[in-house]
Amino acid sequence: MTLNPHDLADLLSLQGFLVDYDTGEIEYPEDMDISLLITLAASGKIEVGRDLSFFVPDLTIVDMDTYCEQYPNDPQCKCYDV
């Protein structure tokens, strides 16, 4: 199962990163290891700004309807008739 932007932001917060839930920006102390952020950026899960800042994309989406409009093929957005 893939993580939605809110779950990703929550997990990054648990790892000690400071996530601004209004802008998606990820902040961290200068002495913190950012190899996780680099790996997430390389795999396309987070974005890198011009000043080498990191962002969680689409974090400002606040409800599932809006999320599913953006990502209709996400398994958690598919509806199945039984």
Protein backbone atom coordinates (compact mmCIF):
# COMPACT_ATOMS: atom_id res chain seq x y z
CA MET A 1 0.00 0.00 0.00
CA THR A 2 1.32 3.44 -0.86
CA LEU A 3 1.37 6.25 1.67
CA ASN A 4 -0.83 9.26 1.16
CA PRO A 5 0.82 12.67 1.75
CA HIS A 6 -0.58 13.02 5.28
CA ASP A 7 0.70 9.61 6.38
CA LEU A 8 4.10 10.38 4.88
CA ALA A 9 4.22 13.71 6.74
CA ASP A 10 3.24 11.99 9.99
CA LEU A 11 5.98 9.38 9.58
CA LEU A 12 8.57 12.06 8.80
CA SER A 13 7.49 13.90 11.95
CA LEU A 14 7.98 10.71 13.95
CA GLN A 15 11.52 10.52 12.54
CA GLY A 16 12.28 14.00 13.92
CA PHE A 17 11.67 16.13 10.85
CA LEU A 18 9.54 19.25 11.22
CA VAL A 19 6.75 19.23 8.64
CA ASP A 20 4.73 22.37 7.96
CA TYR A 21 1.27 20.97 7.23
CA ASP A 22 0.19 24.24 5.56
CA THR A 23 2.97 24.38 2.95
CA GLY A 24 4.37 20.84 2.94
CA GLU A 25 7.89 22.09 3.69
CA ILE A 26 10.13 19.72 5.64
CA GLU A 27 12.59 21.36 8.02
CA TYR A 28 15.39 19.75 9.97
CA PRO A 29 18.31 20.74 12.21
CA GLU A 30 21.60 21.30 10.38
CA ASP A 31 23.28 18.39 12.13
CA MET A 32 20.53 15.89 11.21
CA ASP A 33 21.16 13.07 8.73
CA ILE A 34 18.99 13.77 5.68
CA SER A 35 19.71 10.58 3.74
CA LEU A 36 16.05 9.54 4.17
CA LEU A 37 14.92 12.79 2.53
CA ILE A 38 17.38 12.29 -0.32
CA THR A 39 16.12 8.75 -0.87
CA LEU A 40 12.48 9.90 -0.83
CA ALA A 41 13.29 12.71 -3.28
CA ALA A 42 15.13 10.34 -5.61
CA SER A 43 12.15 7.99 -5.63
CA GLY A 44 9.70 10.82 -6.32
CA LYS A 45 7.86 10.70 -3.00
CA ILE A 46 8.87 14.24 -2.00
CA GLU A 47 9.93 17.27 -4.00
CA VAL A 48 13.10 19.36 -3.83
CA GLY A 49 12.90 23.15 -4.00
CA ARG A 50 15.37 25.47 -5.70
CA ASP A 51 17.17 26.20 -2.44
CA LEU A 52 17.52 22.46 -1.73
CA SER A 53 14.53 22.48 0.61
CA PHE A 54 12.26 19.46 0.70
CA PHE A 55 8.45 19.37 0.36
CA VAL A 56 5.71 16.78 0.74
CA PRO A 57 3.60 17.24 -2.41
CA ASP A 58 -0.17 17.64 -2.12
CA LEU A 59 -0.09 17.89 1.67
CA THR A 60 -2.67 20.66 1.55
CA ILE A 61 -5.31 18.22 0.26
CA VAL A 62 -7.50 17.88 3.32
CA ASP A 63 -10.14 15.32 2.42
CA MET A 64 -10.38 12.01 0.63
CA ASP A 65 -12.65 13.35 -2.13
CA THR A 66 -10.06 15.92 -3.16
CA TYR A 67 -7.27 13.35 -2.87
CA CYS A 68 -9.13 10.90 -5.10
CA GLU A 69 -9.76 13.62 -7.68
CA GLN A 70 -5.97 14.10 -7.85
CA TYR A 71 -5.13 10.37 -7.72
CA PRO A 72 -8.07 8.38 -9.12
CA ASN A 73 -5.97 5.25 -9.70
CA ASP A 74 -4.84 4.99 -6.08
CA PRO A 75 -6.20 1.69 -4.68
CA GLN A 76 -7.78 3.42 -1.70
CA CYS A 77 -9.81 5.59 -4.11
CA LYS A 78 -11.27 2.79 -6.18
CA CYS A 79 -14.85 1.72 -5.55
CA TYR A 80 -15.95 -1.79 -6.23
CA ASP A 81 -19.51 -3.00 -6.78
CA VAL A 82 -20.22 -6.23 -5.00
